[in-house]
Amino acid sequence: MTVFENGLSIISWLLAIPFILLFAIFTLELLFGLLRSRDWRNSVSNESTADHSIAILIPAHNEASIIVRTLSSLRENIPVGTRILVVADNCSDNTAELAREAGAEAFERTDETLCGKGYALAWGRDILAADPPDCVIVLDADCALNNDSAAKLALAAMRKSIPVQATNLIFSVAEAPPVVQISNFAMLVKNLVRQRGMTRLGGAALLTGTGMAFPWQIFATAPLASGDLAEDLALGIAITKQGHAPYFLESAGVSSEAAAEEDTLVQRTRWEHGFLTTARLHAIPLILSGIRQFSRSQFFLGLHLIVPPLALLMATGIGILFVLAGAAFWGSTALPFALLLTIVIAAILLTIGAWLLEGRKVLTFGALIRTPLYVLWKIPVYLKLVRGSETQWIRTRRSGEDVISDSTND
């Protein structure tokens, strides 16, 4: 082998090893997330919540179009006596008035310098502190809790004395554009299958911003006041480091309607830029801390964070495969290409398995075969990331609204 070929081989290994690791983590999480086991549908007992006080905290920014519907649905699925508090944050509409008419407590917050969901939650916490509940459930204004999910979340949080995360999914009508359906499926893989797999491996559950239950003693001191694009993810990391790793309660569910196609790109840009920025800051420190402290929750959470979103992982992985194939053609060892190809194929097959077992309710077969177009559709998201991460909240347009506002809360 010539010096040139040796150099190509070294470069091939340097390119392949990081992606082999990323796909191995992704594949391991999918494998553990898809395997059937006795805890396949974890649940809590039928213990009553009568002896416990529960508060549901809803941050809301210009949600007049949906707040009444959200509160009406919520009242049908919560224990009697549950307190509902809406924080109308920097609103220019009548969100607070409509919330009061729908039977909730509503408080208006105005602070144009400290904008974001985290600040609204911290402000709501200060109100609750005057008469603190045993448990606080955070719910986004566009979300609905499934039947009995509020009781399940509260009981699990109080019994375990740690935060508890429900399964957070997005749904759309069967006629929704393929890119919207595929985006919903990517969220299902992340928030259900990989979440399940990571927690089975011993990792901390990811807090996803809605359907989160906290015992008051943890919520009272949680670092909420933040303008971070991924404030929920950062909150879960901080709480995990404190020794209170969140728990994933799959049998509790929270859901929301998918945004329109043109708004889905805005939404995904914000989510993915926030995730990648937070992961860049915390993934490696969590892995190292997990090793030092023998903490599986931190170690596997760190591993999870170094894996980029599904479309970016697949696009870059396949791109590197082409580079490695070219290097092999010019004389490099073919082993890096063969190993990466094997793990990429395994990841694709397990992703198809996730669709067969879990994803057909959000993604039709016709939309599934258009997945390559979805990757192309995501290119603007990643090009914007190269130019600089998204730094401001952009509120997702709700059904029936004509424009996307320049607001902060989602």
Protein backbone atom coordinates (compact mmCIF):
# COMPACT_ATOMS: atom_id res chain seq x y z
CA MET A 1 0.00 0.00 0.00
CA THR A 2 1.41 3.39 -1.02
CA VAL A 3 1.79 6.42 1.24
CA PHE A 4 -1.15 7.98 -0.60
CA GLU A 5 -3.32 4.93 0.07
CA ASN A 6 -2.24 4.83 3.73
CA GLY A 7 -3.19 8.49 4.06
CA LEU A 8 -6.58 7.85 2.48
CA SER A 9 -7.15 4.95 4.89
CA ILE A 10 -6.36 7.11 7.91
CA ILE A 11 -8.70 9.84 6.66
CA SER A 12 -11.42 7.23 6.01
CA TRP A 13 -11.21 5.95 9.56
CA LEU A 14 -11.27 9.48 10.98
CA LEU A 15 -14.40 10.22 8.97
CA ALA A 16 -16.11 6.91 9.66
CA ILE A 17 -15.58 6.42 13.40
CA PRO A 18 -17.70 9.37 14.63
CA PHE A 19 -20.61 8.36 12.39
CA ILE A 20 -20.31 4.68 13.31
CA LEU A 21 -20.62 5.80 16.96
CA LEU A 22 -23.61 8.07 16.28
CA PHE A 23 -25.50 5.42 14.32
CA ALA A 24 -24.62 2.78 16.93
CA ILE A 25 -26.20 4.89 19.69
CA PHE A 26 -29.25 5.60 17.54
CA THR A 27 -29.60 1.92 16.64
CA LEU A 28 -29.22 0.80 20.26
CA GLU A 29 -31.94 3.20 21.41
CA LEU A 30 -34.29 2.04 18.65
CA LEU A 31 -33.59 -1.61 19.43
CA PHE A 32 -34.35 -1.22 23.13
CA GLY A 33 -37.29 1.04 22.31
CA LEU A 34 -38.91 -1.50 19.99
CA LEU A 35 -38.30 -4.69 21.97
CA ARG A 36 -41.41 -5.90 23.71
CA SER A 37 -41.04 -6.35 27.45
CA ARG A 38 -43.11 -6.50 30.61
CA ASP A 39 -42.89 -2.72 31.02
CA TRP A 40 -44.07 -2.12 27.44
CA ARG A 41 -47.01 -0.06 28.72
CA ASN A 42 -45.88 1.20 32.10
CA SER A 43 -48.60 2.47 34.36
CA VAL A 44 -49.40 3.60 37.85
CA SER A 45 -51.83 2.17 40.35
CA ASN A 46 -55.41 3.31 40.77
CA GLU A 47 -54.49 5.28 43.87
CA SER A 48 -56.71 8.34 44.29
CA THR A 49 -55.44 11.89 44.00
CA ALA A 50 -58.02 13.10 46.54
CA ASP A 51 -55.39 13.60 49.24
CA HIS A 52 -53.06 15.55 46.97
CA SER A 53 -53.31 19.04 45.50
CA ILE A 54 -52.51 19.44 41.81
CA ALA A 55 -51.97 22.58 39.76
CA ILE A 56 -51.76 22.76 35.98
CA LEU A 57 -49.64 25.68 34.79
CA ILE A 58 -50.23 26.89 31.22
CA PRO A 59 -47.96 29.55 29.70
CA ALA A 60 -49.84 31.28 26.90
CA HIS A 61 -48.92 33.99 24.41
CA ASN A 62 -51.69 35.31 22.16
CA GLU A 63 -53.68 32.08 22.39
CA ALA A 64 -57.17 33.57 22.09
CA SER A 65 -57.92 31.30 19.13
CA ILE A 66 -57.45 28.07 21.08
CA ILE A 67 -57.39 28.70 24.83
CA VAL A 68 -61.11 28.03 25.39
CA ARG A 69 -60.93 24.75 23.48
CA THR A 70 -57.82 23.71 25.41
CA LEU A 71 -59.40 24.46 28.79
CA SER A 72 -62.69 22.77 27.90
CA SER A 73 -60.87 19.58 26.90
CA LEU A 74 -58.65 19.77 29.95
CA ARG A 75 -61.50 19.95 32.44
CA GLU A 76 -62.85 16.64 31.14
CA ASN A 77 -59.59 14.83 31.90
CA ILE A 78 -58.34 16.09 35.28
CA PRO A 79 -59.11 15.13 38.88
CA VAL A 80 -61.74 17.16 40.71
CA GLY A 81 -60.20 20.11 42.52
CA THR A 82 -57.26 20.52 40.19
CA ARG A 83 -56.19 24.15 39.99
CA ILE A 84 -55.67 25.57 36.47
CA LEU A 85 -53.49 28.65 36.18
CA VAL A 86 -52.91 30.42 32.85
CA VAL A 87 -50.06 32.90 32.51
CA ALA A 88 -50.99 35.26 29.68
CA ASP A 89 -47.46 36.29 28.79
CA ASN A 90 -46.89 39.49 26.80
CA CYS A 91 -50.26 39.09 25.12
CA SER A 92 -51.77 41.60 22.73
CA ASP A 93 -55.10 39.77 22.56
CA ASN A 94 -57.74 38.72 25.12
CA THR A 95 -56.21 35.36 26.10
CA ALA A 96 -56.50 36.13 29.83
CA GLU A 97 -60.14 37.24 29.60
CA LEU A 98 -61.16 34.13 27.66
CA ALA A 99 -59.28 31.88 30.08
CA ARG A 100 -61.14 33.38 33.03
CA GLU A 101 -64.47 32.95 31.27
CA ALA A 102 -63.54 29.29 30.71
CA GLY A 103 -63.08 28.84 34.47
CA ALA A 104 -59.30 29.06 34.85
CA GLU A 105 -57.26 31.46 36.93
CA ALA A 106 -55.50 33.83 34.56
CA PHE A 107 -52.72 36.29 35.29
CA GLU A 108 -51.18 38.72 32.85
CA ARG A 109 -47.41 39.20 32.64
CA THR A 110 -45.78 41.99 30.65
CA ASP A 111 -42.02 42.14 30.27
CA GLU A 112 -40.66 42.70 26.78
CA THR A 113 -37.03 42.33 27.90
CA LEU A 114 -37.41 38.89 29.47
CA CYS A 115 -39.33 36.98 26.84
CA GLY A 116 -39.84 33.26 26.64
CA LYS A 117 -41.71 30.35 28.08
CA GLY A 118 -39.22 29.83 30.91
CA TYR A 119 -39.85 33.33 32.28
CA ALA A 120 -43.61 32.78 32.10
CA LEU A 121 -43.28 29.52 34.05
CA ALA A 122 -41.13 31.16 36.71
CA TRP A 123 -43.70 33.95 37.06
CA GLY A 124 -46.50 31.42 37.42
CA ARG A 125 -44.46 29.54 40.02
CA ASP A 126 -44.22 32.70 42.10
CA ILE A 127 -48.02 32.92 42.10
CA LEU A 128 -48.39 29.26 43.09
CA ALA A 129 -45.86 29.70 45.90
CA ALA A 130 -48.46 31.61 47.95
CA ASP A 131 -50.37 28.32 48.29
CA PRO A 132 -48.12 25.63 46.84
CA PRO A 133 -49.66 22.45 45.46
CA ASP A 134 -48.19 18.99 45.95
CA CYS A 135 -47.60 18.67 42.21
CA VAL A 136 -47.37 21.02 39.23
CA ILE A 137 -48.11 19.86 35.68
CA VAL A 138 -46.84 22.08 32.85
CA LEU A 139 -49.00 22.08 29.74
CA ASP A 140 -48.60 24.10 26.54
CA ALA A 141 -51.64 26.11 25.48
CA ASP A 142 -52.09 24.13 22.25
CA CYS A 143 -51.91 20.69 23.88
CA ALA A 144 -54.40 18.19 25.28
CA LEU A 145 -53.83 15.61 28.01
CA ASN A 146 -55.15 12.13 27.30
CA ASN A 147 -57.74 10.56 29.59
CA ASP A 148 -56.48 10.17 33.18
CA SER A 149 -53.01 11.38 32.19
CA ALA A 150 -53.05 14.26 34.68
CA ALA A 151 -53.77 11.88 37.55
CA LYS A 152 -51.16 9.38 36.35
CA LEU A 153 -48.49 12.05 36.02
CA ALA A 154 -49.22 13.58 39.41
CA LEU A 155 -49.28 10.27 41.24
CA ALA A 156 -46.04 9.09 39.63
CA ALA A 157 -44.28 12.39 40.34
CA MET A 158 -45.33 12.43 43.98
CA ARG A 159 -44.60 8.75 44.58
CA LYS A 160 -41.16 8.86 42.97
CA SER A 161 -40.33 12.44 44.07
CA ILE A 162 -38.90 13.21 40.63
CA PRO A 163 -40.19 14.93 37.48
CA VAL A 164 -42.29 12.76 35.18
CA GLN A 165 -42.69 13.18 31.41
CA ALA A 166 -45.69 11.99 29.41
CA THR A 167 -45.50 10.73 25.84
CA ASN A 168 -45.60 13.90 23.75
CA LEU A 169 -46.82 13.39 20.17
CA ILE A 170 -48.05 15.50 17.27
CA PHE A 171 -50.91 14.40 15.03
CA SER A 172 -52.36 15.58 11.75
CA VAL A 173 -55.14 14.54 9.40
CA ALA A 174 -54.40 11.74 6.93
CA GLU A 175 -54.54 14.26 4.10
CA ALA A 176 -51.75 16.41 5.59
CA PRO A 177 -48.77 17.10 3.28
CA PRO A 178 -46.08 14.37 3.36
CA VAL A 179 -43.48 16.69 4.93
CA VAL A 180 -45.83 17.36 7.85
CA GLN A 181 -46.54 13.64 8.33
CA ILE A 182 -42.84 12.76 8.18
CA SER A 183 -42.06 15.51 10.68
CA ASN A 184 -44.70 14.04 13.00
CA PHE A 185 -43.09 10.62 12.61
CA ALA A 186 -39.65 12.00 13.39
CA MET A 187 -41.14 13.45 16.59
CA LEU A 188 -42.66 10.05 17.43
CA VAL A 189 -39.29 8.34 16.97
CA LYS A 190 -37.67 10.91 19.26
CA ASN A 191 -40.36 11.30 21.94
CA LEU A 192 -41.61 7.72 22.12
CA VAL A 193 -39.30 5.08 20.65
CA ARG A 194 -35.91 6.62 21.47
CA GLN A 195 -37.23 7.99 24.76
CA ARG A 196 -38.38 4.51 25.70
CA GLY A 197 -35.11 2.94 24.59
CA MET A 198 -32.92 5.47 26.41
CA THR A 199 -34.77 5.09 29.69
CA ARG A 200 -34.65 1.29 29.43
CA LEU A 201 -30.89 1.62 29.10
CA GLY A 202 -30.86 3.67 32.28
CA GLY A 203 -30.82 7.19 30.90
CA ALA A 204 -32.85 10.10 32.19
CA ALA A 205 -36.03 10.90 30.29
CA LEU A 206 -36.02 14.04 28.18
CA LEU A 207 -38.38 16.79 29.30
CA THR A 208 -40.23 17.89 26.17
CA GLY A 209 -41.84 21.11 27.44
CA THR A 210 -45.42 19.91 27.87
CA GLY A 211 -47.01 17.05 29.80
CA MET A 212 -44.35 17.44 32.51
CA ALA A 213 -45.20 16.83 36.19
CA PHE A 214 -43.04 18.08 39.07
CA PRO A 215 -43.26 17.51 42.81
CA TRP A 216 -43.45 20.98 44.34
CA GLN A 217 -40.19 20.60 46.25
CA ILE A 218 -38.35 20.19 42.92
CA PHE A 219 -40.41 22.70 40.94
CA ALA A 220 -39.90 25.36 43.61
CA THR A 221 -36.15 25.50 42.97
CA ALA A 222 -35.96 24.43 39.31
CA PRO A 223 -34.03 26.82 37.00
CA LEU A 224 -37.04 27.95 34.99
CA ALA A 225 -36.33 31.59 34.15
CA SER A 226 -34.50 31.18 30.86
CA GLY A 227 -34.78 32.45 27.32
CA ASP A 228 -33.11 29.30 26.00
CA LEU A 229 -34.67 27.99 22.76
CA ALA A 230 -34.63 24.51 24.31
CA GLU A 231 -35.46 25.54 27.86
CA ASP A 232 -37.26 22.24 28.52
CA LEU A 233 -34.22 20.19 27.46
CA ALA A 234 -31.87 22.39 29.50
CA LEU A 235 -34.20 22.09 32.50
CA GLY A 236 -34.14 18.29 32.32
CA ILE A 237 -30.35 18.29 32.10
CA ALA A 238 -30.04 20.57 35.14
CA ILE A 239 -32.43 18.45 37.20
CA THR A 240 -30.65 15.25 36.16
CA LYS A 241 -27.33 16.72 37.35
CA GLN A 242 -29.00 17.45 40.69
CA GLY A 243 -29.75 13.75 41.11
CA HIS A 244 -33.46 13.86 40.18
CA ALA A 245 -33.40 12.21 36.76
CA PRO A 246 -36.85 12.58 35.10
CA TYR A 247 -38.97 9.46 34.58
CA PHE A 248 -40.77 8.58 31.33
CA LEU A 249 -44.39 7.54 31.92
CA GLU A 250 -45.45 6.18 28.56
CA SER A 251 -49.00 5.40 29.65
CA ALA A 252 -49.66 9.12 30.13
CA GLY A 253 -50.03 11.09 26.93
CA VAL A 254 -50.10 14.67 25.71
CA SER A 255 -50.76 15.65 22.12
CA SER A 256 -51.11 18.63 19.81
CA GLU A 257 -52.12 19.31 16.24
CA ALA A 258 -49.42 19.61 13.62
CA ALA A 259 -48.65 23.01 12.20
CA ALA A 260 -49.31 23.79 8.56
CA GLU A 261 -46.57 22.88 6.08
CA GLU A 262 -45.15 26.40 5.84
CA ASP A 263 -45.12 26.75 9.64
CA THR A 264 -43.69 23.29 10.30
CA LEU A 265 -40.35 24.39 8.85
CA VAL A 266 -40.28 27.39 11.21
CA GLN A 267 -41.16 25.14 14.14
CA ARG A 268 -38.58 22.48 13.28
CA THR A 269 -35.89 25.13 12.78
CA ARG A 270 -36.44 26.43 16.29
CA TRP A 271 -36.63 22.98 17.87
CA GLU A 272 -33.59 21.55 16.13
CA HIS A 273 -31.39 24.60 16.52
CA GLY A 274 -32.25 24.68 20.21
CA PHE A 275 -31.49 20.97 20.58
CA LEU A 276 -28.18 21.15 18.73
CA THR A 277 -27.04 24.21 20.68
CA THR A 278 -27.91 22.62 24.02
CA ALA A 279 -26.35 19.30 23.01
CA ARG A 280 -23.13 21.00 21.98
CA LEU A 281 -22.83 22.53 25.45
CA HIS A 282 -23.91 19.59 27.59
CA ALA A 283 -23.50 16.23 25.81
CA ILE A 284 -19.79 15.56 26.42
CA PRO A 285 -19.82 16.95 30.01
CA LEU A 286 -22.77 14.66 30.80
CA ILE A 287 -20.94 11.62 29.41
CA LEU A 288 -17.79 12.43 31.41
CA SER A 289 -19.79 13.18 34.55
CA GLY A 290 -21.68 9.93 34.15
CA ILE A 291 -18.41 8.01 33.96
CA ARG A 292 -16.91 9.80 36.98
CA GLN A 293 -20.01 9.40 39.13
CA PHE A 294 -21.03 5.96 37.80
CA SER A 295 -24.33 7.60 36.80
CA ARG A 296 -26.19 5.73 34.06
CA SER A 297 -28.80 8.49 33.88
CA GLN A 298 -26.21 11.13 32.98
CA PHE A 299 -24.11 8.85 30.79
CA PHE A 300 -26.92 7.65 28.53
CA LEU A 301 -28.51 11.10 28.43
CA GLY A 302 -25.18 12.46 27.19
CA LEU A 303 -24.96 9.74 24.54
CA HIS A 304 -28.48 10.55 23.43
CA LEU A 305 -27.63 14.23 23.05
CA ILE A 306 -24.66 13.70 20.76
CA VAL A 307 -26.96 12.09 18.15
CA PRO A 308 -28.33 14.80 15.81
CA PRO A 309 -31.99 14.90 14.68
CA LEU A 310 -33.06 12.02 12.44
CA ALA A 311 -33.01 13.80 9.06
CA LEU A 312 -29.61 15.39 9.73
CA LEU A 313 -28.18 12.08 10.95
CA MET A 314 -29.33 10.21 7.85
CA ALA A 315 -28.32 12.93 5.40
CA THR A 316 -24.80 13.34 6.79
CA GLY A 317 -24.31 9.61 7.30
CA ILE A 318 -25.24 8.78 3.72
CA GLY A 319 -23.08 11.65 2.48
CA ILE A 320 -20.08 10.25 4.36
CA LEU A 321 -20.78 6.83 2.85
CA PHE A 322 -20.34 8.30 -0.64
CA VAL A 323 -17.06 9.90 0.45
CA LEU A 324 -15.81 6.60 1.90
CA ALA A 325 -16.85 4.73 -1.24
CA GLY A 326 -14.81 7.18 -3.31
CA ALA A 327 -11.83 6.78 -1.00
CA ALA A 328 -12.07 2.98 -1.31
CA PHE A 329 -12.15 3.31 -5.09
CA TRP A 330 -8.88 5.28 -4.94
CA GLY A 331 -7.13 2.70 -2.80
CA SER A 332 -8.20 3.23 0.81
CA THR A 333 -9.18 0.27 2.96
CA ALA A 334 -12.86 -0.54 2.43
CA LEU A 335 -13.44 -1.56 6.05
CA PRO A 336 -14.62 1.88 7.29
CA PHE A 337 -17.13 2.01 4.43
CA ALA A 338 -18.34 -1.53 5.14
CA LEU A 339 -18.80 -0.92 8.88
CA LEU A 340 -20.65 2.36 8.41
CA LEU A 341 -22.82 0.90 5.65
CA THR A 342 -23.80 -1.99 7.94
CA ILE A 343 -24.81 0.25 10.84
CA VAL A 344 -26.65 2.69 8.54
CA ILE A 345 -28.66 -0.19 7.04
CA ALA A 346 -29.46 -1.44 10.55
CA ALA A 347 -30.63 2.05 11.53
CA ILE A 348 -32.84 2.33 8.44
CA LEU A 349 -34.38 -1.10 9.03
CA LEU A 350 -35.11 -0.29 12.68
CA THR A 351 -36.63 3.04 11.66
CA ILE A 352 -38.90 1.16 9.26
CA GLY A 353 -39.68 -1.18 12.17
CA ALA A 354 -40.62 1.85 14.27
CA TRP A 355 -43.02 2.90 11.53
CA LEU A 356 -44.57 -0.57 11.33
CA LEU A 357 -45.05 -0.88 15.09
CA GLU A 358 -45.79 2.69 16.12
CA GLY A 359 -45.75 5.13 13.25
CA ARG A 360 -48.58 4.22 10.91
CA LYS A 361 -51.00 6.32 12.97
CA VAL A 362 -49.07 9.49 12.04
CA LEU A 363 -47.45 8.58 8.71
CA THR A 364 -49.11 6.94 5.69
CA PHE A 365 -47.15 4.64 3.39
CA GLY A 366 -47.52 7.15 0.57
CA ALA A 367 -45.85 9.81 2.69
CA LEU A 368 -43.19 7.37 3.95
CA ILE A 369 -41.79 6.74 0.47
CA ARG A 370 -41.34 10.50 0.06
CA THR A 371 -38.85 10.64 2.94
CA PRO A 372 -35.92 11.63 0.67
CA LEU A 373 -37.90 14.74 -0.28
CA TYR A 374 -38.26 15.52 3.43
CA VAL A 375 -34.48 15.53 3.79
CA LEU A 376 -34.26 18.01 0.91
CA TRP A 377 -37.00 20.09 2.55
CA LYS A 378 -34.86 20.26 5.70
CA ILE A 379 -31.80 21.66 3.90
CA PRO A 380 -32.78 25.29 4.67
CA VAL A 381 -32.85 24.41 8.38
CA TYR A 382 -29.29 23.13 8.30
CA LEU A 383 -28.01 25.90 6.05
CA LYS A 384 -29.38 28.39 8.52
CA LEU A 385 -27.57 26.52 11.28
CA VAL A 386 -24.28 26.90 9.38
CA ARG A 387 -24.88 30.64 9.14
CA GLY A 388 -25.75 30.82 12.83
CA SER A 389 -28.20 29.15 15.21
CA GLU A 390 -31.69 30.52 15.73
CA THR A 391 -31.57 32.73 18.82
CA GLN A 392 -35.13 34.02 19.12
CA TRP A 393 -38.45 32.37 19.79
CA ILE A 394 -40.87 32.44 16.85
CA ARG A 395 -44.37 31.42 17.81
CA THR A 396 -45.96 28.72 15.68
CA ARG A 397 -49.15 29.81 13.96
CA ARG A 398 -52.30 28.15 15.31
CA SER A 399 -55.15 26.79 13.25
CA GLY A 400 -57.30 29.61 11.94
CA GLU A 401 -54.65 32.32 12.32
CA ASP A 402 -53.47 34.25 9.27
CA VAL A 403 -49.92 35.24 10.25
CA ILE A 404 -47.08 34.07 12.39
CA SER A 405 -46.42 36.58 15.13
CA ASP A 406 -43.00 37.59 16.36
CA SER A 407 -43.74 36.30 19.82
CA THR A 408 -41.78 34.25 22.21
CA ASN A 409 -43.86 31.46 23.65
CA ASP A 410 -45.02 28.41 21.80
